[in-house]
């Protein structure tokens, strides 16, 4: 389960600079496997994602972004498509973690998007 959460965290950390047109310098480190790193660094990373997304325009979301994968292969895709990829990737793996928790006899938190928006609306 920790490995799956780490995978999502490092993917989120990798994609943000890519989408900003910056080089992604770090993918996975040994420190990422410490739960305290996820507890402390993931909220801060989420804050950077939110700050970046707050400045997006429809025009920017439709523009192409050039980036390279971890092997150095170049790609060019629409920013909005890449953002949806990141969201979909996280959703997929959070669902896996939810299943892991259930298999271990725990009740996972609600993951449906509607519950997220209800929380946001409550402030």
PDB file of N, CA and C in Angstrom:
ATOM      1  N   UNK A   1       0.828  -1.177   0.000  1.00  0.00           N
ATOM      2  CA  UNK A   1       0.000   0.000   0.000  1.00  0.00           C
ATOM      3  C   UNK A   1       0.879   1.250   0.000  1.00  0.00           C
ATOM      4  N   UNK A   2       1.921   1.259   0.813  1.00  0.00           N
ATOM      5  CA  UNK A   2       2.813   2.419   0.858  1.00  0.00           C
ATOM      6  C   UNK A   2       3.432   2.662  -0.516  1.00  0.00           C
ATOM      7  N   UNK A   3       3.838   1.599  -1.176  1.00  0.00           N
ATOM      8  CA  UNK A   3       4.440   1.742  -2.501  1.00  0.00           C
ATOM      9  C   UNK A   3       3.492   2.396  -3.497  1.00  0.00           C
ATOM     10  N   UNK A   4       2.210   2.079  -3.411  1.00  0.00           N
ATOM     11  CA  UNK A   4       1.227   2.675  -4.311  1.00  0.00           C
ATOM     12  C   UNK A   4       1.053   4.155  -4.006  1.00  0.00           C
ATOM     13  N   UNK A   5       0.987   4.504  -2.729  1.00  0.00           N
ATOM     14  CA  UNK A   5       0.869   5.918  -2.360  1.00  0.00           C
ATOM     15  C   UNK A   5       2.111   6.698  -2.783  1.00  0.00           C
ATOM     16  N   UNK A   6       3.273   6.105  -2.594  1.00  0.00           N
ATOM     17  CA  UNK A   6       4.518   6.760  -3.012  1.00  0.00           C
ATOM     18  C   UNK A   6       4.509   6.976  -4.521  1.00  0.00           C
ATOM     19  N   UNK A   7       4.056   5.988  -5.254  1.00  0.00           N
ATOM     20  CA  UNK A   7       3.986   6.095  -6.712  1.00  0.00           C
ATOM     21  C   UNK A   7       3.135   7.298  -7.133  1.00  0.00           C
ATOM     22  N   UNK A   8       1.984   7.480  -6.507  1.00  0.00           N
ATOM     23  CA  UNK A   8       1.117   8.607  -6.849  1.00  0.00           C
ATOM     24  C   UNK A   8       1.787   9.922  -6.466  1.00  0.00           C
ATOM     25  N   UNK A   9       2.381   9.969  -5.282  1.00  0.00           N
ATOM     26  CA  UNK A   9       3.049  11.181  -4.823  1.00  0.00           C
ATOM     27  C   UNK A   9       4.170  11.592  -5.766  1.00  0.00           C
ATOM     28  N   UNK A  10       5.038  10.650  -6.129  1.00  0.00           N
ATOM     29  CA  UNK A  10       6.164  11.036  -6.978  1.00  0.00           C
ATOM     30  C   UNK A  10       5.697  11.382  -8.391  1.00  0.00           C
ATOM     31  N   UNK A  11       4.619  10.751  -8.851  1.00  0.00           N
ATOM     32  CA  UNK A  11       4.075  11.124 -10.161  1.00  0.00           C
ATOM     33  C   UNK A  11       3.527  12.549 -10.114  1.00  0.00           C
ATOM     34  N   UNK A  12       2.820  12.889  -9.044  1.00  0.00           N
ATOM     35  CA  UNK A  12       2.325  14.261  -8.885  1.00  0.00           C
ATOM     36  C   UNK A  12       3.489  15.249  -8.846  1.00  0.00           C
ATOM     37  N   UNK A  13       4.546  14.872  -8.155  1.00  0.00           N
ATOM     38  CA  UNK A  13       5.724  15.741  -8.033  1.00  0.00           C
ATOM     39  C   UNK A  13       6.445  15.876  -9.372  1.00  0.00           C
ATOM     40  N   UNK A  14       6.438  14.828 -10.165  1.00  0.00           N
ATOM     41  CA  UNK A  14       7.100  14.828 -11.468  1.00  0.00           C
ATOM     42  C   UNK A  14       6.322  15.648 -12.503  1.00  0.00           C
ATOM     43  N   UNK A  15       5.001  15.500 -12.506  1.00  0.00           N
ATOM     44  CA  UNK A  15       4.203  16.130 -13.551  1.00  0.00           C
ATOM     45  C   UNK A  15       4.076  17.636 -13.388  1.00  0.00           C
ATOM     46  N   UNK A  16       4.065  18.151 -12.170  1.00  0.00           N
ATOM     47  CA  UNK A  16       3.879  19.590 -12.012  1.00  0.00           C
ATOM     48  C   UNK A  16       4.952  20.394 -12.729  1.00  0.00           C
ATOM     49  N   UNK A  17       6.231  20.134 -12.519  1.00  0.00           N
ATOM     50  CA  UNK A  17       7.213  20.915 -13.278  1.00  0.00           C
ATOM     51  C   UNK A  17       7.099  20.692 -14.789  1.00  0.00           C
ATOM     52  N   UNK A  18       6.791  19.473 -15.197  1.00  0.00           N
ATOM     53  CA  UNK A  18       6.614  19.220 -16.636  1.00  0.00           C
ATOM     54  C   UNK A  18       5.550  20.138 -17.213  1.00  0.00           C
ATOM     55  N   UNK A  19       4.427  20.237 -16.533  1.00  0.00           N
ATOM     56  CA  UNK A  19       3.320  21.040 -17.042  1.00  0.00           C
ATOM     57  C   UNK A  19       3.622  22.525 -16.999  1.00  0.00           C
ATOM     58  N   UNK A  20       4.534  22.907 -16.122  1.00  0.00           N
ATOM     59  CA  UNK A  20       4.945  24.306 -16.031  1.00  0.00           C
ATOM     60  C   UNK A  20       6.068  24.630 -17.014  1.00  0.00           C
ATOM     61  N   UNK A  21       6.508  23.624 -17.775  1.00  0.00           N
ATOM     62  CA  UNK A  21       7.586  23.830 -18.732  1.00  0.00           C
ATOM     63  C   UNK A  21       8.959  23.833 -18.097  1.00  0.00           C
ATOM     64  N   UNK A  22       9.057  23.275 -16.908  1.00  0.00           N
ATOM     65  CA  UNK A  22      10.325  23.196 -16.187  1.00  0.00           C
ATOM     66  C   UNK A  22      10.843  21.765 -16.226  1.00  0.00           C
ATOM     67  N   UNK A  23      12.141  21.583 -16.043  1.00  0.00           N
ATOM     68  CA  UNK A  23      12.652  20.215 -16.000  1.00  0.00           C
ATOM     69  C   UNK A  23      12.218  19.511 -14.715  1.00  0.00           C
ATOM     70  N   UNK A  24      11.849  18.272 -14.836  1.00  0.00           N
ATOM     71  CA  UNK A  24      11.513  17.447 -13.666  1.00  0.00           C
ATOM     72  C   UNK A  24      12.810  16.777 -13.223  1.00  0.00           C
ATOM     73  N   UNK A  25      13.305  17.160 -12.076  1.00  0.00           N
ATOM     74  CA  UNK A  25      14.635  16.702 -11.659  1.00  0.00           C
ATOM     75  C   UNK A  25      14.614  15.488 -10.750  1.00  0.00           C
ATOM     76  N   UNK A  26      13.514  15.274 -10.038  1.00  0.00           N
ATOM     77  CA  UNK A  26      13.465  14.168  -9.080  1.00  0.00           C
ATOM     78  C   UNK A  26      12.272  13.289  -9.376  1.00  0.00           C
ATOM     79  N   UNK A  27      12.518  11.989  -9.432  1.00  0.00           N
ATOM     80  CA  UNK A  27      11.391  11.081  -9.557  1.00  0.00           C
ATOM     81  C   UNK A  27      11.172  10.363  -8.240  1.00  0.00           C
ATOM     82  N   UNK A  28      12.014   9.447  -7.882  1.00  0.00           N
ATOM     83  CA  UNK A  28      11.814   8.630  -6.692  1.00  0.00           C
ATOM     84  C   UNK A  28      13.086   8.618  -5.869  1.00  0.00           C
ATOM     85  N   UNK A  29      12.944   8.835  -4.577  1.00  0.00           N
ATOM     86  CA  UNK A  29      14.082   8.758  -3.669  1.00  0.00           C
ATOM     87  C   UNK A  29      13.754   7.761  -2.558  1.00  0.00           C
ATOM     88  N   UNK A  30      14.763   7.286  -1.878  1.00  0.00           N
ATOM     89  CA  UNK A  30      14.546   6.385  -0.746  1.00  0.00           C
ATOM     90  C   UNK A  30      13.714   7.057   0.341  1.00  0.00           C
ATOM     91  N   UNK A  31      13.906   8.361   0.523  1.00  0.00           N
ATOM     92  CA  UNK A  31      13.174   9.097   1.554  1.00  0.00           C
ATOM     93  C   UNK A  31      11.673   9.102   1.288  1.00  0.00           C
ATOM     94  N   UNK A  32      11.276   8.987   0.029  1.00  0.00           N
ATOM     95  CA  UNK A  32       9.852   9.019  -0.307  1.00  0.00           C
ATOM     96  C   UNK A  32       9.078   7.879   0.346  1.00  0.00           C
ATOM     97  N   UNK A  33       9.758   6.827   0.729  1.00  0.00           N
ATOM     98  CA  UNK A  33       9.091   5.679   1.344  1.00  0.00           C
ATOM     99  C   UNK A  33       8.860   5.849   2.839  1.00  0.00           C
ATOM    100  N   UNK A  34       9.189   7.012   3.372  1.00  0.00           N
ATOM    101  CA  UNK A  34       8.875   7.298   4.780  1.00  0.00           C
ATOM    102  C   UNK A  34       7.506   7.957   4.835  1.00  0.00           C
ATOM    103  N   UNK A  35       6.641   7.413   5.659  1.00  0.00           N
ATOM    104  CA  UNK A  35       5.284   7.934   5.761  1.00  0.00           C
ATOM    105  C   UNK A  35       5.285   9.408   6.142  1.00  0.00           C
ATOM    106  N   UNK A  36       6.250   9.828   6.934  1.00  0.00           N
ATOM    107  CA  UNK A  36       6.310  11.244   7.326  1.00  0.00           C
ATOM    108  C   UNK A  36       6.557  12.144   6.122  1.00  0.00           C
ATOM    109  N   UNK A  37       7.275  11.655   5.127  1.00  0.00           N
ATOM    110  CA  UNK A  37       7.493  12.445   3.910  1.00  0.00           C
ATOM    111  C   UNK A  37       6.160  12.657   3.201  1.00  0.00           C
ATOM    112  N   UNK A  38       5.376  11.593   3.087  1.00  0.00           N
ATOM    113  CA  UNK A  38       4.064  11.733   2.444  1.00  0.00           C
ATOM    114  C   UNK A  38       3.167  12.668   3.255  1.00  0.00           C
ATOM    115  N   UNK A  39       3.178  12.533   4.568  1.00  0.00           N
ATOM    116  CA  UNK A  39       2.325  13.358   5.419  1.00  0.00           C
ATOM    117  C   UNK A  39       2.708  14.835   5.348  1.00  0.00           C
ATOM    118  N   UNK A  40       3.990  15.126   5.237  1.00  0.00           N
ATOM    119  CA  UNK A  40       4.452  16.514   5.253  1.00  0.00           C
ATOM    120  C   UNK A  40       4.564  17.130   3.857  1.00  0.00           C
ATOM    121  N   UNK A  41       5.078  16.365   2.918  1.00  0.00           N
ATOM    122  CA  UNK A  41       5.382  16.924   1.601  1.00  0.00           C
ATOM    123  C   UNK A  41       4.210  16.901   0.634  1.00  0.00           C
ATOM    124  N   UNK A  42       3.322  15.931   0.766  1.00  0.00           N
ATOM    125  CA  UNK A  42       2.204  15.853  -0.173  1.00  0.00           C
ATOM    126  C   UNK A  42       1.250  17.033  -0.037  1.00  0.00           C
ATOM    127  N   UNK A  43       0.875  17.452   1.166  1.00  0.00           N
ATOM    128  CA  UNK A  43       0.012  18.642   1.262  1.00  0.00           C
ATOM    129  C   UNK A  43       0.670  19.888   0.664  1.00  0.00           C
ATOM    130  N   UNK A  44       1.963  20.045   0.879  1.00  0.00           N
ATOM    131  CA  UNK A  44       2.677  21.198   0.301  1.00  0.00           C
ATOM    132  C   UNK A  44       2.671  21.112  -1.222  1.00  0.00           C
ATOM    133  N   UNK A  45       2.873  19.919  -1.755  1.00  0.00           N
ATOM    134  CA  UNK A  45       2.829  19.726  -3.200  1.00  0.00           C
ATOM    135  C   UNK A  45       1.429  20.031  -3.730  1.00  0.00           C
ATOM    136  N   UNK A  46       0.414  19.577  -3.021  1.00  0.00           N
ATOM    137  CA  UNK A  46      -0.966  19.872  -3.418  1.00  0.00           C
ATOM    138  C   UNK A  46      -1.188  21.383  -3.465  1.00  0.00           C
ATOM    139  N   UNK A  47      -0.615  22.094  -2.504  1.00  0.00           N
ATOM    140  CA  UNK A  47      -0.722  23.552  -2.495  1.00  0.00           C
ATOM    141  C   UNK A  47      -0.077  24.180  -3.719  1.00  0.00           C
ATOM    142  N   UNK A  48       1.061  23.632  -4.146  1.00  0.00           N
ATOM    143  CA  UNK A  48       1.713  24.152  -5.360  1.00  0.00           C
ATOM    144  C   UNK A  48       0.875  23.849  -6.597  1.00  0.00           C
ATOM    145  N   UNK A  49       0.251  22.677  -6.648  1.00  0.00           N
ATOM    146  CA  UNK A  49      -0.647  22.348  -7.753  1.00  0.00           C
ATOM    147  C   UNK A  49      -1.819  23.337  -7.783  1.00  0.00           C
ATOM    148  N   UNK A  50      -2.403  23.594  -6.625  1.00  0.00           N
ATOM    149  CA  UNK A  50      -3.552  24.497  -6.548  1.00  0.00           C
ATOM    150  C   UNK A  50      -3.166  25.906  -6.991  1.00  0.00           C
ATOM    151  N   UNK A  51      -2.038  26.385  -6.517  1.00  0.00           N
ATOM    152  CA  UNK A  51      -1.576  27.734  -6.895  1.00  0.00           C
ATOM    153  C   UNK A  51      -1.352  27.815  -8.401  1.00  0.00           C
ATOM    154  N   UNK A  52      -0.764  26.786  -8.975  1.00  0.00           N
ATOM    155  CA  UNK A  52      -0.525  26.760 -10.417  1.00  0.00           C
ATOM    156  C   UNK A  52      -1.854  26.725 -11.172  1.00  0.00           C
ATOM    157  N   UNK A  53      -2.773  25.869 -10.751  1.00  0.00           N
ATOM    158  CA  UNK A  53      -4.050  25.713 -11.450  1.00  0.00           C
ATOM    159  C   UNK A  53      -4.909  26.968 -11.345  1.00  0.00           C
ATOM    160  N   UNK A  54      -4.772  27.717 -10.256  1.00  0.00           N
ATOM    161  CA  UNK A  54      -5.553  28.943 -10.097  1.00  0.00           C
ATOM    162  C   UNK A  54      -5.269  29.949 -11.214  1.00  0.00           C
ATOM    163  N   UNK A  55      -4.078  29.885 -11.790  1.00  0.00           N
ATOM    164  CA  UNK A  55      -3.713  30.822 -12.845  1.00  0.00           C
ATOM    165  C   UNK A  55      -3.998  30.335 -14.254  1.00  0.00           C
ATOM    166  N   UNK A  56      -4.552  29.146 -14.394  1.00  0.00           N
ATOM    167  CA  UNK A  56      -4.808  28.603 -15.730  1.00  0.00           C
ATOM    168  C   UNK A  56      -5.981  29.300 -16.399  1.00  0.00           C
ATOM    169  N   UNK A  57      -5.853  29.433 -17.706  1.00  0.00           N
ATOM    170  CA  UNK A  57      -6.942  29.953 -18.525  1.00  0.00           C
ATOM    171  C   UNK A  57      -7.375  28.857 -19.487  1.00  0.00           C
ATOM    172  N   UNK A  58      -8.536  29.049 -20.088  1.00  0.00           N
ATOM    173  CA  UNK A  58      -8.983  28.083 -21.101  1.00  0.00           C
ATOM    174  C   UNK A  58      -7.966  27.996 -22.235  1.00  0.00           C
ATOM    175  N   UNK A  59      -7.439  29.127 -22.602  1.00  0.00           N
ATOM    176  CA  UNK A  59      -6.445  29.163 -23.683  1.00  0.00           C
ATOM    177  C   UNK A  59      -5.201  28.353 -23.312  1.00  0.00           C
ATOM    178  N   UNK A  60      -4.724  28.528 -22.099  1.00  0.00           N
ATOM    179  CA  UNK A  60      -3.535  27.789 -21.652  1.00  0.00           C
ATOM    180  C   UNK A  60      -3.807  26.288 -21.606  1.00  0.00           C
ATOM    181  N   UNK A  61      -5.005  25.912 -21.188  1.00  0.00           N
ATOM    182  CA  UNK A  61      -5.344  24.488 -21.094  1.00  0.00           C
ATOM    183  C   UNK A  61      -5.385  23.825 -22.465  1.00  0.00           C
ATOM    184  N   UNK A  62      -5.621  24.617 -23.502  1.00  0.00           N
ATOM    185  CA  UNK A  62      -5.682  24.066 -24.854  1.00  0.00           C
ATOM    186  C   UNK A  62      -4.332  24.091 -25.566  1.00  0.00           C
ATOM    187  N   UNK A  63      -3.357  24.729 -24.952  1.00  0.00           N
ATOM    188  CA  UNK A  63      -2.030  24.831 -25.578  1.00  0.00           C
ATOM    189  C   UNK A  63      -1.260  23.533 -25.402  1.00  0.00           C
ATOM    190  N   UNK A  64      -0.349  23.295 -26.321  1.00  0.00           N
ATOM    191  CA  UNK A  64       0.504  22.116 -26.230  1.00  0.00           C
ATOM    192  C   UNK A  64       1.673  22.354 -25.275  1.00  0.00           C
ATOM    193  N   UNK A  65       2.080  21.291 -24.630  1.00  0.00           N
ATOM    194  CA  UNK A  65       3.223  21.304 -23.719  1.00  0.00           C
ATOM    195  C   UNK A  65       4.225  20.286 -24.236  1.00  0.00           C
ATOM    196  N   UNK A  66       5.472  20.678 -24.292  1.00  0.00           N
ATOM    197  CA  UNK A  66       6.542  19.751 -24.656  1.00  0.00           C
ATOM    198  C   UNK A  66       7.218  19.272 -23.385  1.00  0.00           C
ATOM    199  N   UNK A  67       7.476  17.981 -23.320  1.00  0.00           N
ATOM    200  CA  UNK A  67       8.127  17.397 -22.152  1.00  0.00           C
ATOM    201  C   UNK A  67       8.833  16.118 -22.583  1.00  0.00           C
ATOM    202  N   UNK A  68       9.646  15.590 -21.700  1.00  0.00           N
ATOM    203  CA  UNK A  68      10.323  14.317 -21.951  1.00  0.00           C
ATOM    204  C   UNK A  68       9.978  13.351 -20.833  1.00  0.00           C
ATOM    205  N   UNK A  69       9.816  12.087 -21.180  1.00  0.00           N
ATOM    206  CA  UNK A  69       9.563  11.086 -20.147  1.00  0.00           C
ATOM    207  C   UNK A  69      10.875  10.757 -19.421  1.00  0.00           C
ATOM    208  N   UNK A  70      10.826   9.836 -18.502  1.00  0.00           N
ATOM    209  CA  UNK A  70      12.000   9.517 -17.686  1.00  0.00           C
ATOM    210  C   UNK A  70      13.132   8.900 -18.518  1.00  0.00           C
ATOM    211  N   UNK A  71      12.828   8.410 -19.695  1.00  0.00           N
ATOM    212  CA  UNK A  71      13.862   7.846 -20.588  1.00  0.00           C
ATOM    213  C   UNK A  71      14.413   8.904 -21.542  1.00  0.00           C
ATOM    214  N   UNK A  72      13.847  10.107 -21.470  1.00  0.00           N
ATOM    215  CA  UNK A  72      14.300  11.176 -22.345  1.00  0.00           C
ATOM    216  C   UNK A  72      13.550  11.276 -23.651  1.00  0.00           C
ATOM    217  N   UNK A  73      12.516  10.449 -23.839  1.00  0.00           N
ATOM    218  CA  UNK A  73      11.723  10.499 -25.069  1.00  0.00           C
ATOM    219  C   UNK A  73      10.875  11.768 -25.086  1.00  0.00           C
ATOM    220  N   UNK A  74      10.948  12.546 -26.164  1.00  0.00           N
ATOM    221  CA  UNK A  74      10.188  13.796 -26.221  1.00  0.00           C
ATOM    222  C   UNK A  74       8.728  13.560 -26.604  1.00  0.00           C
ATOM    223  N   UNK A  75       7.862  14.368 -26.006  1.00  0.00           N
ATOM    224  CA  UNK A  75       6.436  14.323 -26.313  1.00  0.00           C
ATOM    225  C   UNK A  75       5.894  15.749 -26.353  1.00  0.00           C
ATOM    226  N   UNK A  76       4.779  15.899 -27.032  1.00  0.00           N
ATOM    227  CA  UNK A  76       4.082  17.184 -27.084  1.00  0.00           C
ATOM    228  C   UNK A  76       2.594  16.865 -27.063  1.00  0.00           C
ATOM    229  N   UNK A  77       1.909  17.354 -26.022  1.00  0.00           N
ATOM    230  CA  UNK A  77       0.484  17.090 -25.882  1.00  0.00           C
ATOM    231  C   UNK A  77      -0.207  18.313 -25.274  1.00  0.00           C
ATOM    232  N   UNK A  78      -1.512  18.336 -25.427  1.00  0.00           N
ATOM    233  CA  UNK A  78      -2.313  19.445 -24.905  1.00  0.00           C
ATOM    234  C   UNK A  78      -2.285  19.422 -23.374  1.00  0.00           C
ATOM    235  N   UNK A  79      -2.093  20.590 -22.790  1.00  0.00           N
ATOM    236  CA  UNK A  79      -2.011  20.717 -21.338  1.00  0.00           C
ATOM    237  C   UNK A  79      -3.233  20.123 -20.644  1.00  0.00           C
ATOM    238  N   UNK A  80      -4.421  20.428 -21.123  1.00  0.00           N
ATOM    239  CA  UNK A  80      -5.635  19.911 -20.496  1.00  0.00           C
ATOM    240  C   UNK A  80      -5.689  18.401 -20.480  1.00  0.00           C
ATOM    241  N   UNK A  81      -5.225  17.780 -21.543  1.00  0.00           N
ATOM    242  CA  UNK A  81      -5.189  16.317 -21.620  1.00  0.00           C
ATOM    243  C   UNK A  81      -4.224  15.765 -20.572  1.00  0.00           C
ATOM    244  N   UNK A  82      -3.088  16.427 -20.420  1.00  0.00           N
ATOM    245  CA  UNK A  82      -2.095  15.971 -19.439  1.00  0.00           C
ATOM    246  C   UNK A  82      -2.598  16.145 -18.007  1.00  0.00           C
ATOM    247  N   UNK A  83      -3.313  17.231 -17.752  1.00  0.00           N
ATOM    248  CA  UNK A  83      -3.888  17.410 -16.417  1.00  0.00           C
ATOM    249  C   UNK A  83      -4.895  16.303 -16.131  1.00  0.00           C
ATOM    250  N   UNK A  84      -5.734  15.985 -17.104  1.00  0.00           N
ATOM    251  CA  UNK A  84      -6.682  14.888 -16.917  1.00  0.00           C
ATOM    252  C   UNK A  84      -5.956  13.569 -16.686  1.00  0.00           C
ATOM    253  N   UNK A  85      -4.835  13.369 -17.345  1.00  0.00           N
ATOM    254  CA  UNK A  85      -4.034  12.157 -17.118  1.00  0.00           C
ATOM    255  C   UNK A  85      -3.593  12.075 -15.657  1.00  0.00           C
ATOM    256  N   UNK A  86      -3.074  13.184 -15.128  1.00  0.00           N
ATOM    257  CA  UNK A  86      -2.590  13.191 -13.746  1.00  0.00           C
ATOM    258  C   UNK A  86      -3.746  12.888 -12.784  1.00  0.00           C
ATOM    259  N   UNK A  87      -4.890  13.510 -13.011  1.00  0.00           N
ATOM    260  CA  UNK A  87      -6.050  13.276 -12.155  1.00  0.00           C
ATOM    261  C   UNK A  87      -6.496  11.823 -12.253  1.00  0.00           C
ATOM    262  N   UNK A  88      -6.596  11.303 -13.456  1.00  0.00           N
ATOM    263  CA  UNK A  88      -7.028   9.922 -13.658  1.00  0.00           C
ATOM    264  C   UNK A  88      -6.044   8.944 -13.014  1.00  0.00           C
ATOM    265  N   UNK A  89      -4.765   9.205 -13.144  1.00  0.00           N
ATOM    266  CA  UNK A  89      -3.727   8.354 -12.556  1.00  0.00           C
ATOM    267  C   UNK A  89      -3.911   8.276 -11.041  1.00  0.00           C
ATOM    268  N   UNK A  90      -4.079   9.429 -10.405  1.00  0.00           N
ATOM    269  CA  UNK A  90      -4.266   9.448  -8.960  1.00  0.00           C
ATOM    270  C   UNK A  90      -5.539   8.741  -8.537  1.00  0.00           C
ATOM    271  N   UNK A  91      -6.612   8.942  -9.292  1.00  0.00           N
ATOM    272  CA  UNK A  91      -7.883   8.293  -8.976  1.00  0.00           C
ATOM    273  C   UNK A  91      -7.751   6.779  -9.044  1.00  0.00           C
ATOM    274  N   UNK A  92      -7.113   6.297 -10.078  1.00  0.00           N
ATOM    275  CA  UNK A  92      -6.916   4.856 -10.241  1.00  0.00           C
ATOM    276  C   UNK A  92      -6.192   4.259  -9.032  1.00  0.00           C
ATOM    277  N   UNK A  93      -5.100   4.875  -8.660  1.00  0.00           N
ATOM    278  CA  UNK A  93      -4.300   4.306  -7.579  1.00  0.00           C
ATOM    279  C   UNK A  93      -4.919   4.516  -6.202  1.00  0.00           C
ATOM    280  N   UNK A  94      -5.656   5.617  -5.991  1.00  0.00           N
ATOM    281  CA  UNK A  94      -6.375   5.763  -4.728  1.00  0.00           C
ATOM    282  C   UNK A  94      -7.437   4.671  -4.601  1.00  0.00           C
ATOM    283  N   UNK A  95      -8.047   4.300  -5.711  1.00  0.00           N
ATOM    284  CA  UNK A  95      -8.996   3.183  -5.696  1.00  0.00           C
ATOM    285  C   UNK A  95      -8.313   1.884  -5.306  1.00  0.00           C
ATOM    286  N   UNK A  96      -7.099   1.677  -5.784  1.00  0.00           N
ATOM    287  CA  UNK A  96      -6.352   0.480  -5.382  1.00  0.00           C
ATOM    288  C   UNK A  96      -6.090   0.479  -3.879  1.00  0.00           C
ATOM    289  N   UNK A  97      -5.656   1.622  -3.358  1.00  0.00           N
ATOM    290  CA  UNK A  97      -5.372   1.716  -1.922  1.00  0.00           C
ATOM    291  C   UNK A  97      -6.655   1.479  -1.124  1.00  0.00           C
ATOM    292  N   UNK A  98      -7.774   1.994  -1.611  1.00  0.00           N
ATOM    293  CA  UNK A  98      -9.054   1.753  -0.963  1.00  0.00           C
ATOM    294  C   UNK A  98      -9.335   0.255  -0.888  1.00  0.00           C
ATOM    295  N   UNK A  99      -9.077  -0.448  -1.975  1.00  0.00           N
ATOM    296  CA  UNK A  99      -9.259  -1.899  -1.988  1.00  0.00           C
ATOM    297  C   UNK A  99      -8.319  -2.609  -1.023  1.00  0.00           C
ATOM    298  N   UNK A 100      -7.076  -2.149  -0.941  1.00  0.00           N
ATOM    299  CA  UNK A 100      -6.123  -2.724   0.016  1.00  0.00           C
ATOM    300  C   UNK A 100      -6.652  -2.569   1.441  1.00  0.00           C
ATOM    301  N   UNK A 101      -7.146  -1.376   1.762  1.00  0.00           N
ATOM    302  CA  UNK A 101      -7.661  -1.125   3.108  1.00  0.00           C
ATOM    303  C   UNK A 101      -8.843  -2.036   3.423  1.00  0.00           C
ATOM    304  N   UNK A 102      -9.753  -2.174   2.472  1.00  0.00           N
ATOM    305  CA  UNK A 102     -10.908  -3.058   2.678  1.00  0.00           C
ATOM    306  C   UNK A 102     -10.463  -4.497   2.888  1.00  0.00           C
ATOM    307  N   UNK A 103      -9.485  -4.946   2.114  1.00  0.00           N
ATOM    308  CA  UNK A 103      -8.987  -6.312   2.251  1.00  0.00           C
ATOM    309  C   UNK A 103      -8.351  -6.537   3.624  1.00  0.00           C
ATOM    310  N   UNK A 104      -7.873  -5.465   4.236  1.00  0.00           N
ATOM    311  CA  UNK A 104      -7.260  -5.559   5.560  1.00  0.00           C
ATOM    312  C   UNK A 104      -8.292  -5.336   6.672  1.00  0.00           C
ATOM    313  N   UNK A 105      -9.576  -5.195   6.291  1.00  0.00           N
ATOM    314  CA  UNK A 105     -10.628  -5.062   7.280  1.00  0.00           C
ATOM    315  C   UNK A 105     -10.923  -3.650   7.732  1.00  0.00           C
ATOM    316  N   UNK A 106     -10.432  -2.649   6.989  1.00  0.00           N
ATOM    317  CA  UNK A 106     -10.665  -1.247   7.344  1.00  0.00           C
ATOM    318  C   UNK A 106     -11.666  -0.617   6.382  1.00  0.00           C
ATOM    319  N   UNK A 107     -12.298   0.441   6.833  1.00  0.00           N
ATOM    320  CA  UNK A 107     -13.210   1.206   5.981  1.00  0.00           C
ATOM    321  C   UNK A 107     -12.429   2.401   5.445  1.00  0.00           C
ATOM    322  N   UNK A 108     -12.211   2.451   4.137  1.00  0.00           N
ATOM    323  CA  UNK A 108     -11.457   3.586   3.571  1.00  0.00           C
ATOM    324  C   UNK A 108     -12.298   4.855   3.549  1.00  0.00           C
ATOM    325  N   UNK A 109     -11.646   5.999   3.412  1.00  0.00           N
ATOM    326  CA  UNK A 109     -12.421   7.239   3.271  1.00  0.00           C
ATOM    327  C   UNK A 109     -13.190   7.224   1.959  1.00  0.00           C
ATOM    328  N   UNK A 110     -14.213   8.053   1.886  1.00  0.00           N
ATOM    329  CA  UNK A 110     -15.001   8.150   0.662  1.00  0.00           C
ATOM    330  C   UNK A 110     -14.166   8.840  -0.407  1.00  0.00           C
ATOM    331  N   UNK A 111     -14.111   8.242  -1.581  1.00  0.00           N
ATOM    332  CA  UNK A 111     -13.266   8.755  -2.658  1.00  0.00           C
ATOM    333  C   UNK A 111     -14.034   9.409  -3.793  1.00  0.00           C
ATOM    334  N   UNK A 112     -15.352   9.263  -3.804  1.00  0.00           N
ATOM    335  CA  UNK A 112     -16.118   9.825  -4.907  1.00  0.00           C
ATOM    336  C   UNK A 112     -15.938  11.340  -4.961  1.00  0.00           C
ATOM    337  N   UNK A 113     -15.829  11.861  -6.161  1.00  0.00           N
ATOM    338  CA  UNK A 113     -15.593  13.285  -6.374  1.00  0.00           C
ATOM    339  C   UNK A 113     -16.666  14.146  -5.724  1.00  0.00           C
ATOM    340  N   UNK A 114     -17.892  13.674  -5.706  1.00  0.00           N
ATOM    341  CA  UNK A 114     -18.983  14.446  -5.113  1.00  0.00           C
ATOM    342  C   UNK A 114     -18.712  14.715  -3.633  1.00  0.00           C
ATOM    343  N   UNK A 115     -18.091  13.775  -2.926  1.00  0.00           N
ATOM    344  CA  UNK A 115     -17.781  13.986  -1.510  1.00  0.00           C
ATOM    345  C   UNK A 115     -16.705  15.059  -1.347  1.00  0.00           C
ATOM    346  N   UNK A 116     -15.753  15.081  -2.260  1.00  0.00           N
ATOM    347  CA  UNK A 116     -14.725  16.121  -2.229  1.00  0.00           C
ATOM    348  C   UNK A 116     -15.362  17.502  -2.367  1.00  0.00           C
ATOM    349  N   UNK A 117     -16.242  17.645  -3.356  1.00  0.00           N
ATOM    350  CA  UNK A 117     -16.877  18.940  -3.582  1.00  0.00           C
ATOM    351  C   UNK A 117     -17.766  19.342  -2.412  1.00  0.00           C
ATOM    352  N   UNK A 118     -18.394  18.384  -1.767  1.00  0.00           N
ATOM    353  CA  UNK A 118     -19.211  18.709  -0.587  1.00  0.00           C
ATOM    354  C   UNK A 118     -18.319  19.264   0.522  1.00  0.00           C
ATOM    355  N   UNK A 119     -17.140  18.695   0.682  1.00  0.00           N
ATOM    356  CA  UNK A 119     -16.188  19.198   1.688  1.00  0.00           C
ATOM    357  C   UNK A 119     -15.729  20.604   1.340  1.00  0.00           C
ATOM    358  N   UNK A 120     -15.416  20.823   0.076  1.00  0.00           N
ATOM    359  CA  UNK A 120     -14.953  22.144  -0.374  1.00  0.00           C
ATOM    360  C   UNK A 120     -16.041  23.185  -0.120  1.00  0.00           C
ATOM    361  N   UNK A 121     -17.273  22.835  -0.419  1.00  0.00           N
ATOM    362  CA  UNK A 121     -18.383  23.765  -0.244  1.00  0.00           C
ATOM    363  C   UNK A 121     -18.607  24.116   1.224  1.00  0.00           C
ATOM    364  N   UNK A 122     -18.318  23.168   2.111  1.00  0.00           N
ATOM    365  CA  UNK A 122     -18.468  23.425   3.553  1.00  0.00           C
ATOM    366  C   UNK A 122     -17.369  24.340   4.067  1.00  0.00           C
ATOM    367  N   UNK A 123     -16.253  24.378   3.318  1.00  0.00           N
ATOM    368  CA  UNK A 123     -15.150  25.267   3.662  1.00  0.00           C
ATOM    369  C   UNK A 123     -14.310  24.717   4.719  1.00  0.00           C
TER     370      UNK A 123
END
